[in-house]
Structures are given as structure tokens and as C-alpha cells.
Amino acid sequence: MLNNIKISQTTNEIILNVNVIADINEIMEELQSKLPKLRDFYQTSTIPMRVTGRLFTESEIKKVKAAINAEIPVEIKFDDISDLLGLHAIKRTFEVETDISETKFIQNSLRSGHREEYPGSIVVCGDVNFGAEVVAGGNIMILGALRGVAHAGANGNTMAIISANNIDVTQIRIANLVREVGEKVDKCPICKIEKNEIIIV
């Protein structure tokens, strides 16, 4: 059974905490199974709903909102990068040169459930496996394969890059942008921002 969405309640809102690495199709499937209970709750409540834990693309936000609002007429807020990021709550995007930065070296591969976070750059001397997460204020360099979550420039730095021996994930993140990755990318790709979108070269 899927367990990518945890539902909790505060005095002001209902919170849907979504697994950061969950696939959108799995999220939608689980959401449909949990909507009946949420609909019952909203028979007697009007408090807003907040979706957190995972950074959604614009198309994903529309899809989730449409599914919920088809059943429940409720205000829905999605956490943005500054809400989700534990490093710094910075609302604006800025540019900082990343040619020279403080760097943390991880001398092993990262397994599922392992999270590395650093305000400078991160170098992983191995793989970032599915279920692992790397969040850096600067660049992310992976000497092995990227199969987990990588978020470079996480404090809003649009100059940051991501590089790996190969990339085998559904999406990558730099600053406040997300790029869907359709298929595995080999030959040491470099991901960077140009003209307000992430490109892979």
C-alpha cells in the first residue's frame, strides 16, 4: 500500500505532507484513495489545506488542485522553495558566483533515507541512490550516478550547477526551478540555468 502522503491537522489548517521523492502518479493514486475521508471531514470544516514536503512543478500543482477541488471546495496552498528549505528561508532568487565556494566532500555513496545538506557546495565520491537527498546552497558534483534527489542553489542561487557521471531521476532542482528528466542521461551531464530554465549539456 502506498504511504507517500501523511495527513495531519493544526488549529488553522489540514496538512498533506508528501514524500519528497514520490512520483506524481503515485501521489495522485494515493490522493484519490484518501479524498473520501477528507471530504467527510470538510462536511463540518472550512479550514484551508496546505501541501508540503515536496517541490511540485506548475503542471503537478494544477493536477493536484483539480483532483482535490473536484471533491472538496477548499483553499489549497503549496509550500514553495523557501518554505521547504531548511538552510535559509529566502523568498527571492539571487546570483552568487559558484566558481569558488566552501565545499563538503562525502567520501561514500548515499543510501536511501540519507540526507546531506550544506550551505556551500557538495561533492559526493560515489552514487546518490534512490531515496537519498542532497541539498546544497552551491554546486552539487556526483562522481557516480544520481538516482535520488539533488537540489543545487537551494538558497536561491541561480548560478549553481549539478553534475554527475550519469543522471537517472525524474526531476532535478536548481534554485527555485524544477526540470523534468524524461530518460537517463549519460556522459557526465552538467545541469545549469539559462534564460530562467534548467538545461542539460
N, C-alpha and C. Protein backbone atom coordinates (compact mmCIF):
# COMPACT_ATOMS: atom_id res chain seq x y z
N MET A 1 0.85 -1.19 0.00
CA MET A 1 0.00 0.00 0.00
C MET A 1 0.89 1.24 0.00
N LEU A 2 0.48 2.24 -0.78
CA LEU A 2 1.26 3.47 -0.87
C LEU A 2 1.18 4.25 0.43
N ASN A 3 2.30 4.88 0.80
CA ASN A 3 2.32 5.68 2.02
C ASN A 3 3.15 6.94 1.79
N ASN A 4 2.81 7.65 0.71
CA ASN A 4 3.56 8.85 0.35
C ASN A 4 2.93 10.14 0.86
N ILE A 5 1.71 10.06 1.37
CA ILE A 5 1.00 11.24 1.86
C ILE A 5 0.59 11.02 3.31
N LYS A 6 1.09 11.87 4.21
CA LYS A 6 0.69 11.82 5.61
C LYS A 6 -0.18 13.05 5.90
N ILE A 7 -1.34 12.81 6.48
CA ILE A 7 -2.30 13.89 6.74
C ILE A 7 -2.32 14.21 8.22
N SER A 8 -2.20 15.50 8.53
CA SER A 8 -2.28 15.95 9.92
C SER A 8 -3.11 17.23 9.98
N GLN A 9 -3.44 17.64 11.20
CA GLN A 9 -4.30 18.81 11.38
C GLN A 9 -3.74 19.71 12.46
N THR A 10 -3.74 21.01 12.21
CA THR A 10 -3.46 22.02 13.23
C THR A 10 -4.75 22.79 13.46
N THR A 11 -4.70 23.79 14.31
CA THR A 11 -5.91 24.58 14.55
C THR A 11 -6.30 25.40 13.34
N ASN A 12 -5.33 25.68 12.44
CA ASN A 12 -5.57 26.58 11.32
C ASN A 12 -5.66 25.91 9.96
N GLU A 13 -5.20 24.64 9.85
CA GLU A 13 -5.15 24.04 8.53
C GLU A 13 -5.02 22.53 8.58
N ILE A 14 -5.36 21.91 7.46
CA ILE A 14 -5.08 20.49 7.23
C ILE A 14 -3.79 20.41 6.43
N ILE A 15 -2.85 19.56 6.83
CA ILE A 15 -1.55 19.47 6.18
C ILE A 15 -1.42 18.12 5.49
N LEU A 16 -1.10 18.17 4.20
CA LEU A 16 -0.76 16.97 3.44
C LEU A 16 0.75 16.97 3.24
N ASN A 17 1.44 16.12 3.98
CA ASN A 17 2.90 16.05 3.89
C ASN A 17 3.26 14.95 2.90
N VAL A 18 3.84 15.36 1.76
CA VAL A 18 4.11 14.43 0.66
C VAL A 18 5.58 14.04 0.65
N ASN A 19 5.84 12.77 0.47
CA ASN A 19 7.20 12.25 0.38
C ASN A 19 7.97 12.99 -0.71
N VAL A 20 9.15 13.51 -0.36
CA VAL A 20 9.92 14.37 -1.27
C VAL A 20 10.30 13.67 -2.57
N ILE A 21 10.43 12.35 -2.56
CA ILE A 21 10.86 11.63 -3.77
C ILE A 21 9.72 10.89 -4.45
N ALA A 22 8.49 11.12 -3.98
CA ALA A 22 7.35 10.39 -4.54
C ALA A 22 7.08 10.80 -5.99
N ASP A 23 6.72 9.83 -6.81
CA ASP A 23 6.35 10.08 -8.19
C ASP A 23 4.94 10.67 -8.24
N ILE A 24 4.70 11.59 -9.15
CA ILE A 24 3.40 12.28 -9.22
C ILE A 24 2.26 11.30 -9.46
N ASN A 25 2.49 10.24 -10.23
CA ASN A 25 1.43 9.26 -10.49
C ASN A 25 1.06 8.50 -9.21
N GLU A 26 2.07 8.18 -8.40
CA GLU A 26 1.80 7.52 -7.12
C GLU A 26 1.07 8.47 -6.17
N ILE A 27 1.46 9.76 -6.20
CA ILE A 27 0.79 10.75 -5.35
C ILE A 27 -0.69 10.85 -5.72
N MET A 28 -0.98 10.93 -7.02
CA MET A 28 -2.36 11.06 -7.47
C MET A 28 -3.18 9.83 -7.10
N GLU A 29 -2.58 8.65 -7.25
CA GLU A 29 -3.29 7.41 -6.91
C GLU A 29 -3.64 7.37 -5.42
N GLU A 30 -2.67 7.74 -4.58
CA GLU A 30 -2.91 7.72 -3.13
C GLU A 30 -3.89 8.81 -2.72
N LEU A 31 -3.77 9.97 -3.37
CA LEU A 31 -4.68 11.07 -3.06
C LEU A 31 -6.13 10.67 -3.31
N GLN A 32 -6.37 10.01 -4.43
CA GLN A 32 -7.73 9.57 -4.75
C GLN A 32 -8.29 8.64 -3.68
N SER A 33 -7.41 7.79 -3.11
CA SER A 33 -7.88 6.85 -2.08
C SER A 33 -8.16 7.55 -0.75
N LYS A 34 -7.52 8.71 -0.53
CA LYS A 34 -7.70 9.40 0.75
C LYS A 34 -8.71 10.55 0.69
N LEU A 35 -9.15 10.91 -0.50
CA LEU A 35 -10.10 12.01 -0.64
C LEU A 35 -11.45 11.75 0.04
N PRO A 36 -11.99 10.53 0.02
CA PRO A 36 -13.28 10.33 0.70
C PRO A 36 -13.26 10.71 2.17
N LYS A 37 -12.20 10.34 2.91
CA LYS A 37 -12.11 10.70 4.33
C LYS A 37 -11.97 12.21 4.50
N LEU A 38 -11.17 12.83 3.61
CA LEU A 38 -11.02 14.28 3.68
C LEU A 38 -12.36 14.97 3.38
N ARG A 39 -13.09 14.43 2.43
CA ARG A 39 -14.39 15.01 2.08
C ARG A 39 -15.35 14.94 3.28
N ASP A 40 -15.30 13.82 4.00
CA ASP A 40 -16.14 13.69 5.19
C ASP A 40 -15.78 14.74 6.23
N PHE A 41 -14.48 14.97 6.41
CA PHE A 41 -14.02 15.97 7.38
C PHE A 41 -14.54 17.36 7.01
N TYR A 42 -14.49 17.67 5.72
CA TYR A 42 -14.86 19.01 5.27
C TYR A 42 -16.38 19.23 5.22
N GLN A 43 -17.16 18.24 5.64
CA GLN A 43 -18.59 18.46 5.80
C GLN A 43 -18.86 19.44 6.94
N THR A 44 -17.94 19.47 7.91
CA THR A 44 -18.14 20.32 9.09
C THR A 44 -17.00 21.31 9.30
N SER A 45 -16.09 21.45 8.33
CA SER A 45 -14.95 22.35 8.50
C SER A 45 -14.68 23.12 7.21
N THR A 46 -14.08 24.30 7.37
CA THR A 46 -13.73 25.12 6.20
C THR A 46 -12.27 25.58 6.24
N ILE A 47 -11.47 24.98 7.13
CA ILE A 47 -10.08 25.43 7.24
C ILE A 47 -9.30 25.08 5.97
N PRO A 48 -8.32 25.91 5.58
CA PRO A 48 -7.58 25.66 4.35
C PRO A 48 -6.69 24.42 4.43
N MET A 49 -6.19 24.01 3.28
CA MET A 49 -5.33 22.84 3.18
C MET A 49 -3.96 23.28 2.68
N ARG A 50 -2.90 22.69 3.23
CA ARG A 50 -1.54 23.01 2.79
C ARG A 50 -0.84 21.73 2.38
N VAL A 51 -0.19 21.77 1.21
CA VAL A 51 0.57 20.63 0.70
C VAL A 51 2.05 20.96 0.86
N THR A 52 2.77 20.09 1.55
CA THR A 52 4.17 20.37 1.86
C THR A 52 5.02 19.13 1.66
N GLY A 53 6.34 19.26 1.86
CA GLY A 53 7.25 18.12 1.83
C GLY A 53 7.93 17.88 0.51
N ARG A 54 7.28 18.28 -0.59
CA ARG A 54 7.82 18.02 -1.93
C ARG A 54 7.63 19.26 -2.78
N LEU A 55 8.62 19.55 -3.62
CA LEU A 55 8.52 20.68 -4.54
C LEU A 55 7.80 20.22 -5.80
N PHE A 56 6.67 20.86 -6.12
CA PHE A 56 5.85 20.48 -7.27
C PHE A 56 6.09 21.43 -8.44
N THR A 57 5.99 20.90 -9.65
CA THR A 57 6.02 21.74 -10.84
C THR A 57 4.65 22.39 -10.98
N GLU A 58 4.55 23.39 -11.86
CA GLU A 58 3.28 24.08 -12.06
C GLU A 58 2.19 23.13 -12.56
N SER A 59 2.57 22.24 -13.48
CA SER A 59 1.58 21.30 -14.02
C SER A 59 1.13 20.31 -12.95
N GLU A 60 2.04 19.90 -12.07
CA GLU A 60 1.68 18.99 -10.99
C GLU A 60 0.75 19.68 -9.99
N ILE A 61 1.01 20.96 -9.70
CA ILE A 61 0.15 21.72 -8.79
C ILE A 61 -1.28 21.77 -9.34
N LYS A 62 -1.40 22.06 -10.63
CA LYS A 62 -2.73 22.12 -11.25
C LYS A 62 -3.44 20.77 -11.14
N LYS A 63 -2.69 19.70 -11.36
CA LYS A 63 -3.28 18.36 -11.32
C LYS A 63 -3.78 18.01 -9.91
N VAL A 64 -2.96 18.31 -8.90
CA VAL A 64 -3.34 18.00 -7.51
C VAL A 64 -4.52 18.87 -7.09
N LYS A 65 -4.46 20.17 -7.41
CA LYS A 65 -5.56 21.07 -7.04
C LYS A 65 -6.87 20.63 -7.68
N ALA A 66 -6.81 20.27 -8.96
CA ALA A 66 -8.02 19.85 -9.67
C ALA A 66 -8.64 18.61 -9.03
N ALA A 67 -7.79 17.66 -8.64
CA ALA A 67 -8.29 16.43 -8.03
C ALA A 67 -8.96 16.71 -6.69
N ILE A 68 -8.33 17.57 -5.88
CA ILE A 68 -8.91 17.88 -4.56
C ILE A 68 -10.18 18.71 -4.71
N ASN A 69 -10.11 19.76 -5.52
CA ASN A 69 -11.26 20.66 -5.64
C ASN A 69 -12.45 20.03 -6.36
N ALA A 70 -12.23 18.96 -7.09
CA ALA A 70 -13.33 18.22 -7.70
C ALA A 70 -14.20 17.58 -6.62
N GLU A 71 -13.60 17.31 -5.46
CA GLU A 71 -14.31 16.67 -4.36
C GLU A 71 -14.60 17.64 -3.21
N ILE A 72 -13.67 18.60 -3.00
CA ILE A 72 -13.76 19.47 -1.82
C ILE A 72 -13.50 20.92 -2.23
N PRO A 73 -14.44 21.83 -1.99
CA PRO A 73 -14.21 23.25 -2.30
C PRO A 73 -13.39 23.91 -1.19
N VAL A 74 -12.08 23.74 -1.25
CA VAL A 74 -11.22 24.23 -0.18
C VAL A 74 -10.06 25.02 -0.76
N GLU A 75 -9.57 26.01 0.00
CA GLU A 75 -8.37 26.76 -0.39
C GLU A 75 -7.15 25.88 -0.19
N ILE A 76 -6.29 25.78 -1.21
CA ILE A 76 -5.11 24.91 -1.13
C ILE A 76 -3.86 25.73 -1.36
N LYS A 77 -2.89 25.61 -0.44
CA LYS A 77 -1.61 26.30 -0.57
C LYS A 77 -0.51 25.26 -0.73
N PHE A 78 0.42 25.53 -1.65
CA PHE A 78 1.58 24.66 -1.84
C PHE A 78 2.81 25.39 -1.31
N ASP A 79 3.60 24.72 -0.47
CA ASP A 79 4.83 25.32 0.02
C ASP A 79 5.79 25.55 -1.14
N ASP A 80 6.43 26.72 -1.17
CA ASP A 80 7.44 26.97 -2.20
C ASP A 80 8.82 26.66 -1.65
N ILE A 81 9.83 26.97 -2.43
CA ILE A 81 11.20 26.59 -2.07
C ILE A 81 11.63 27.15 -0.72
N SER A 82 11.24 28.38 -0.43
CA SER A 82 11.67 29.00 0.82
C SER A 82 10.97 28.37 2.03
N ASP A 83 9.76 27.81 1.82
CA ASP A 83 9.07 27.13 2.90
C ASP A 83 9.69 25.77 3.17
N LEU A 84 10.09 25.06 2.08
CA LEU A 84 10.58 23.70 2.22
C LEU A 84 12.03 23.62 2.67
N LEU A 85 12.82 24.64 2.33
CA LEU A 85 14.26 24.55 2.53
C LEU A 85 14.66 24.80 3.97
N GLY A 86 15.47 23.90 4.53
CA GLY A 86 15.92 24.06 5.89
C GLY A 86 17.14 24.95 6.03
N LEU A 87 17.84 25.24 4.94
CA LEU A 87 19.07 26.04 5.02
C LEU A 87 18.77 27.49 5.35
N HIS A 88 18.01 28.16 4.51
CA HIS A 88 17.67 29.57 4.70
C HIS A 88 16.29 29.83 4.11
N ALA A 89 15.47 30.58 4.80
CA ALA A 89 14.16 30.95 4.25
C ALA A 89 14.30 32.23 3.46
N ILE A 90 14.68 32.08 2.22
CA ILE A 90 14.90 33.24 1.36
C ILE A 90 13.85 33.24 0.27
N LYS A 91 13.08 34.31 0.18
CA LYS A 91 11.97 34.36 -0.75
C LYS A 91 12.40 34.79 -2.15
N ARG A 92 13.54 35.41 -2.29
CA ARG A 92 13.90 35.93 -3.60
C ARG A 92 15.05 35.12 -4.20
N THR A 93 15.15 35.14 -5.49
CA THR A 93 16.23 34.47 -6.20
C THR A 93 17.38 35.44 -6.39
N PHE A 94 18.61 34.99 -6.12
CA PHE A 94 19.75 35.88 -6.30
C PHE A 94 20.87 35.10 -6.95
N GLU A 95 21.90 35.82 -7.38
CA GLU A 95 23.03 35.20 -8.07
C GLU A 95 24.30 35.37 -7.26
N VAL A 96 24.99 34.27 -7.03
CA VAL A 96 26.28 34.29 -6.36
C VAL A 96 27.22 33.42 -7.17
N GLU A 97 28.39 33.94 -7.49
CA GLU A 97 29.36 33.15 -8.25
C GLU A 97 29.72 31.89 -7.48
N THR A 98 29.73 30.75 -8.17
CA THR A 98 30.00 29.47 -7.51
C THR A 98 31.30 28.83 -7.99
N ASP A 99 32.13 29.59 -8.72
CA ASP A 99 33.41 29.05 -9.16
C ASP A 99 34.27 28.67 -7.96
N ILE A 100 34.18 29.47 -6.92
CA ILE A 100 34.91 29.20 -5.67
C ILE A 100 33.91 29.22 -4.54
N SER A 101 33.82 28.12 -3.79
CA SER A 101 32.88 28.06 -2.68
C SER A 101 33.36 27.05 -1.64
N GLU A 102 32.87 27.21 -0.43
CA GLU A 102 33.12 26.21 0.60
C GLU A 102 32.51 24.89 0.14
N THR A 103 33.26 23.80 0.31
CA THR A 103 32.81 22.52 -0.24
C THR A 103 32.87 21.42 0.82
N LYS A 104 31.81 20.63 0.85
CA LYS A 104 31.77 19.45 1.72
C LYS A 104 31.94 18.21 0.86
N PHE A 105 32.89 17.35 1.23
CA PHE A 105 33.14 16.11 0.49
C PHE A 105 32.52 14.94 1.24
N ILE A 106 31.70 14.17 0.55
CA ILE A 106 31.10 12.95 1.11
C ILE A 106 31.87 11.78 0.50
N GLN A 107 32.62 11.04 1.33
CA GLN A 107 33.53 10.03 0.82
C GLN A 107 32.90 8.65 0.74
N ASN A 108 31.65 8.61 0.33
CA ASN A 108 30.96 7.33 0.16
C ASN A 108 29.67 7.59 -0.62
N SER A 109 29.01 6.53 -1.02
CA SER A 109 27.70 6.66 -1.68
C SER A 109 26.63 6.94 -0.62
N LEU A 110 25.54 7.55 -1.05
CA LEU A 110 24.43 7.84 -0.15
C LEU A 110 23.32 6.83 -0.39
N ARG A 111 22.88 6.18 0.68
CA ARG A 111 21.82 5.19 0.57
C ARG A 111 20.45 5.83 0.77
N SER A 112 19.41 5.06 0.49
CA SER A 112 18.04 5.52 0.67
C SER A 112 17.81 6.00 2.11
N GLY A 113 17.19 7.16 2.25
CA GLY A 113 16.93 7.72 3.57
C GLY A 113 18.00 8.66 4.07
N HIS A 114 19.16 8.69 3.39
CA HIS A 114 20.28 9.54 3.80
C HIS A 114 20.10 10.93 3.18
N ARG A 115 20.24 11.98 3.98
CA ARG A 115 20.12 13.36 3.50
C ARG A 115 21.39 14.12 3.87
N GLU A 116 21.98 14.77 2.89
CA GLU A 116 23.14 15.64 3.12
C GLU A 116 22.73 17.07 2.74
N GLU A 117 23.00 18.00 3.64
CA GLU A 117 22.64 19.40 3.42
C GLU A 117 23.80 20.28 3.84
N TYR A 118 24.14 21.25 2.99
CA TYR A 118 25.30 22.11 3.28
C TYR A 118 25.08 23.46 2.58
N PRO A 119 25.43 24.57 3.25
CA PRO A 119 25.21 25.89 2.64
C PRO A 119 26.15 26.20 1.48
N GLY A 120 27.28 25.46 1.35
CA GLY A 120 28.19 25.64 0.22
C GLY A 120 27.93 24.57 -0.83
N SER A 121 29.00 24.10 -1.47
CA SER A 121 28.88 23.04 -2.48
C SER A 121 29.09 21.67 -1.86
N ILE A 122 28.59 20.64 -2.53
CA ILE A 122 28.74 19.26 -2.06
C ILE A 122 29.31 18.41 -3.18
N VAL A 123 30.34 17.61 -2.85
CA VAL A 123 30.89 16.61 -3.76
C VAL A 123 30.66 15.24 -3.14
N VAL A 124 30.00 14.36 -3.88
CA VAL A 124 29.75 13.00 -3.42
C VAL A 124 30.67 12.05 -4.18
N CYS A 125 31.57 11.38 -3.45
CA CYS A 125 32.53 10.47 -4.07
C CYS A 125 31.90 9.07 -4.19
N GLY A 126 30.80 9.01 -4.90
CA GLY A 126 30.07 7.76 -5.07
C GLY A 126 28.74 8.07 -5.71
N ASP A 127 27.75 7.20 -5.44
CA ASP A 127 26.41 7.36 -6.00
C ASP A 127 25.48 8.06 -5.01
N VAL A 128 24.46 8.70 -5.53
CA VAL A 128 23.33 9.16 -4.71
C VAL A 128 22.16 8.27 -5.11
N ASN A 129 21.87 7.29 -4.28
CA ASN A 129 20.90 6.27 -4.64
C ASN A 129 19.46 6.74 -4.46
N PHE A 130 18.53 5.99 -5.02
CA PHE A 130 17.12 6.29 -4.92
C PHE A 130 16.73 6.40 -3.44
N GLY A 131 16.02 7.46 -3.10
CA GLY A 131 15.61 7.67 -1.71
C GLY A 131 16.57 8.52 -0.91
N ALA A 132 17.76 8.81 -1.47
CA ALA A 132 18.72 9.70 -0.81
C ALA A 132 18.52 11.12 -1.33
N GLU A 133 19.01 12.11 -0.58
CA GLU A 133 18.78 13.50 -0.94
C GLU A 133 20.02 14.33 -0.67
N VAL A 134 20.37 15.19 -1.64
CA VAL A 134 21.49 16.12 -1.49
C VAL A 134 20.97 17.53 -1.73
N VAL A 135 21.15 18.40 -0.74
CA VAL A 135 20.68 19.79 -0.83
C VAL A 135 21.86 20.70 -0.56
N ALA A 136 22.21 21.55 -1.52
CA ALA A 136 23.37 22.43 -1.39
C ALA A 136 23.01 23.86 -1.75
N GLY A 137 23.61 24.80 -1.02
CA GLY A 137 23.45 26.20 -1.38
C GLY A 137 24.23 26.53 -2.63
N GLY A 138 25.30 25.76 -2.91
CA GLY A 138 26.13 25.94 -4.09
C GLY A 138 25.93 24.82 -5.09
N ASN A 139 27.07 24.33 -5.64
CA ASN A 139 27.02 23.28 -6.66
C ASN A 139 26.88 21.90 -6.04
N ILE A 140 26.45 20.95 -6.86
CA ILE A 140 26.45 19.54 -6.47
C ILE A 140 27.20 18.76 -7.55
N MET A 141 28.25 18.05 -7.14
CA MET A 141 29.03 17.22 -8.05
C MET A 141 28.98 15.78 -7.54
N ILE A 142 28.59 14.86 -8.40
CA ILE A 142 28.46 13.45 -8.01
C ILE A 142 29.35 12.63 -8.92
N LEU A 143 30.33 11.96 -8.33
CA LEU A 143 31.28 11.19 -9.13
C LEU A 143 30.68 9.90 -9.67
N GLY A 144 29.59 9.47 -9.06
CA GLY A 144 28.89 8.28 -9.54
C GLY A 144 27.58 8.65 -10.20
N ALA A 145 26.55 7.86 -9.93
CA ALA A 145 25.23 8.07 -10.54
C ALA A 145 24.31 8.85 -9.61
N LEU A 146 23.50 9.71 -10.21
CA LEU A 146 22.46 10.42 -9.46
C LEU A 146 21.14 9.71 -9.70
N ARG A 147 20.63 9.05 -8.65
CA ARG A 147 19.34 8.37 -8.73
C ARG A 147 18.35 8.93 -7.71
N GLY A 148 18.85 9.76 -6.80
CA GLY A 148 17.99 10.33 -5.77
C GLY A 148 17.69 11.79 -6.07
N VAL A 149 17.43 12.56 -5.02
CA VAL A 149 17.07 13.97 -5.15
C VAL A 149 18.31 14.85 -5.05
N ALA A 150 18.49 15.76 -6.00
CA ALA A 150 19.58 16.73 -5.96
C ALA A 150 18.99 18.12 -6.13
N HIS A 151 19.30 19.01 -5.18
CA HIS A 151 18.80 20.39 -5.23
C HIS A 151 19.98 21.33 -5.00
N ALA A 152 20.50 21.88 -6.09
CA ALA A 152 21.62 22.81 -6.01
C ALA A 152 21.09 24.24 -5.95
N GLY A 153 21.93 25.15 -5.43
CA GLY A 153 21.50 26.54 -5.32
C GLY A 153 20.23 26.66 -4.50
N ALA A 154 20.13 25.82 -3.48
CA ALA A 154 18.87 25.69 -2.75
C ALA A 154 18.46 26.94 -1.99
N ASN A 155 19.38 27.85 -1.76
CA ASN A 155 19.03 29.11 -1.10
C ASN A 155 18.66 30.18 -2.13
N GLY A 156 18.43 29.77 -3.37
CA GLY A 156 18.01 30.68 -4.42
C GLY A 156 19.08 31.04 -5.42
N ASN A 157 20.26 30.40 -5.33
CA ASN A 157 21.39 30.76 -6.19
C ASN A 157 21.23 30.18 -7.60
N THR A 158 20.94 31.04 -8.56
CA THR A 158 20.71 30.60 -9.94
C THR A 158 22.00 30.30 -10.71
N MET A 159 23.16 30.57 -10.08
CA MET A 159 24.44 30.29 -10.74
C MET A 159 24.92 28.87 -10.46
N ALA A 160 24.27 28.16 -9.56
CA ALA A 160 24.70 26.82 -9.17
C ALA A 160 24.47 25.82 -10.29
N ILE A 161 25.25 24.73 -10.26
CA ILE A 161 25.12 23.66 -11.25
C ILE A 161 25.04 22.30 -10.57
N ILE A 162 24.56 21.32 -11.32
CA ILE A 162 24.57 19.92 -10.89
C ILE A 162 25.30 19.12 -11.96
N SER A 163 26.23 18.28 -11.53
CA SER A 163 26.92 17.40 -12.46
C SER A 163 27.05 16.01 -11.84
N ALA A 164 26.96 14.99 -12.67
CA ALA A 164 27.11 13.61 -12.20
C ALA A 164 27.66 12.76 -13.34
N ASN A 165 28.14 11.57 -13.00
CA ASN A 165 28.61 10.66 -14.04
C ASN A 165 27.46 10.29 -14.97
N ASN A 166 26.28 10.04 -14.37
CA ASN A 166 25.05 9.90 -15.15
C ASN A 166 23.87 10.27 -14.26
N ILE A 167 22.79 10.67 -14.89
CA ILE A 167 21.60 11.11 -14.17
C ILE A 167 20.44 10.21 -14.53
N ASP A 168 19.85 9.59 -13.50
CA ASP A 168 18.76 8.65 -13.71
C ASP A 168 17.64 8.96 -12.72
N VAL A 169 17.07 10.16 -12.84
CA VAL A 169 16.00 10.61 -11.94
C VAL A 169 14.86 11.21 -12.77
N THR A 170 13.72 11.46 -12.12
CA THR A 170 12.58 12.05 -12.83
C THR A 170 12.66 13.56 -12.88
N GLN A 171 13.37 14.18 -11.91
CA GLN A 171 13.49 15.63 -11.93
C GLN A 171 14.75 16.08 -11.20
N ILE A 172 15.23 17.28 -11.57
CA ILE A 172 16.34 17.91 -10.88
C ILE A 172 15.92 19.32 -10.51
N ARG A 173 16.60 19.89 -9.50
CA ARG A 173 16.21 21.19 -8.98
C ARG A 173 17.43 22.10 -8.83
N ILE A 174 17.30 23.30 -9.34
CA ILE A 174 18.32 24.33 -9.13
C ILE A 174 17.58 25.61 -8.76
N ALA A 175 18.00 26.22 -7.66
CA ALA A 175 17.34 27.43 -7.13
C ALA A 175 15.85 27.15 -7.00
N ASN A 176 15.01 27.99 -7.59
CA ASN A 176 13.56 27.80 -7.47
C ASN A 176 12.96 27.13 -8.70
N LEU A 177 13.80 26.51 -9.53
CA LEU A 177 13.33 25.86 -10.75
C LEU A 177 13.40 24.34 -10.64
N VAL A 178 12.49 23.69 -11.33
CA VAL A 178 12.46 22.22 -11.39
C VAL A 178 12.43 21.82 -12.85
N ARG A 179 13.22 20.81 -13.21
CA ARG A 179 13.22 20.30 -14.59
C ARG A 179 12.88 18.82 -14.57
N GLU A 180 11.89 18.45 -15.35
CA GLU A 180 11.56 17.04 -15.51
C GLU A 180 12.61 16.39 -16.41
N VAL A 181 13.06 15.19 -16.04
CA VAL A 181 14.04 14.46 -16.84
C VAL A 181 13.36 13.21 -17.38
N GLY A 182 13.22 13.15 -18.70
CA GLY A 182 12.45 12.08 -19.30
C GLY A 182 13.13 10.73 -19.30
N GLU A 183 14.46 10.72 -19.47
CA GLU A 183 15.17 9.45 -19.54
C GLU A 183 16.57 9.61 -18.99
N LYS A 184 17.25 8.50 -18.77
CA LYS A 184 18.60 8.51 -18.21
C LYS A 184 19.54 9.31 -19.10
N VAL A 185 20.40 10.14 -18.44
CA VAL A 185 21.36 10.97 -19.17
C VAL A 185 22.76 10.51 -18.80
N ASP A 186 23.56 10.11 -19.79
CA ASP A 186 24.92 9.63 -19.55
C ASP A 186 25.96 10.68 -19.94
N LYS A 187 27.22 10.30 -19.85
CA LYS A 187 28.36 11.10 -20.31
C LYS A 187 28.52 12.41 -19.55
N CYS A 188 28.48 12.33 -18.22
CA CYS A 188 28.79 13.46 -17.34
C CYS A 188 28.03 14.74 -17.70
N PRO A 189 26.71 14.70 -17.66
CA PRO A 189 25.95 15.90 -17.98
C PRO A 189 26.14 17.00 -16.94
N ILE A 190 26.01 18.23 -17.38
CA ILE A 190 26.02 19.38 -16.48
C ILE A 190 24.66 20.06 -16.59
N CYS A 191 24.03 20.28 -15.46
CA CYS A 191 22.73 20.94 -15.41
C CYS A 191 22.92 22.35 -14.87
N LYS A 192 22.41 23.34 -15.58
CA LYS A 192 22.54 24.73 -15.16
C LYS A 192 21.35 25.53 -15.66
N ILE A 193 21.24 26.76 -15.16
CA ILE A 193 20.13 27.62 -15.54
C ILE A 193 20.56 28.58 -16.65
N GLU A 194 19.77 28.61 -17.71
CA GLU A 194 19.94 29.61 -18.77
C GLU A 194 18.56 30.11 -19.17
N LYS A 195 18.42 31.41 -19.24
CA LYS A 195 17.15 32.06 -19.64
C LYS A 195 15.99 31.54 -18.79
N ASN A 196 16.26 31.46 -17.49
CA ASN A 196 15.23 31.09 -16.50
C ASN A 196 14.68 29.68 -16.68
N GLU A 197 15.50 28.78 -17.23
CA GLU A 197 15.12 27.37 -17.26
C GLU A 197 16.35 26.50 -17.12
N ILE A 198 16.17 25.30 -16.60
CA ILE A 198 17.28 24.38 -16.41
C ILE A 198 17.57 23.66 -17.73
N ILE A 199 18.82 23.71 -18.17
CA ILE A 199 19.23 22.99 -19.36
C ILE A 199 20.24 21.91 -18.95
N ILE A 200 20.36 20.87 -19.76
CA ILE A 200 21.31 19.78 -19.52
C ILE A 200 22.25 19.73 -20.71
N VAL A 201 23.55 19.93 -20.46
CA VAL A 201 24.53 19.95 -21.56
C VAL A 201 25.61 18.90 -21.32
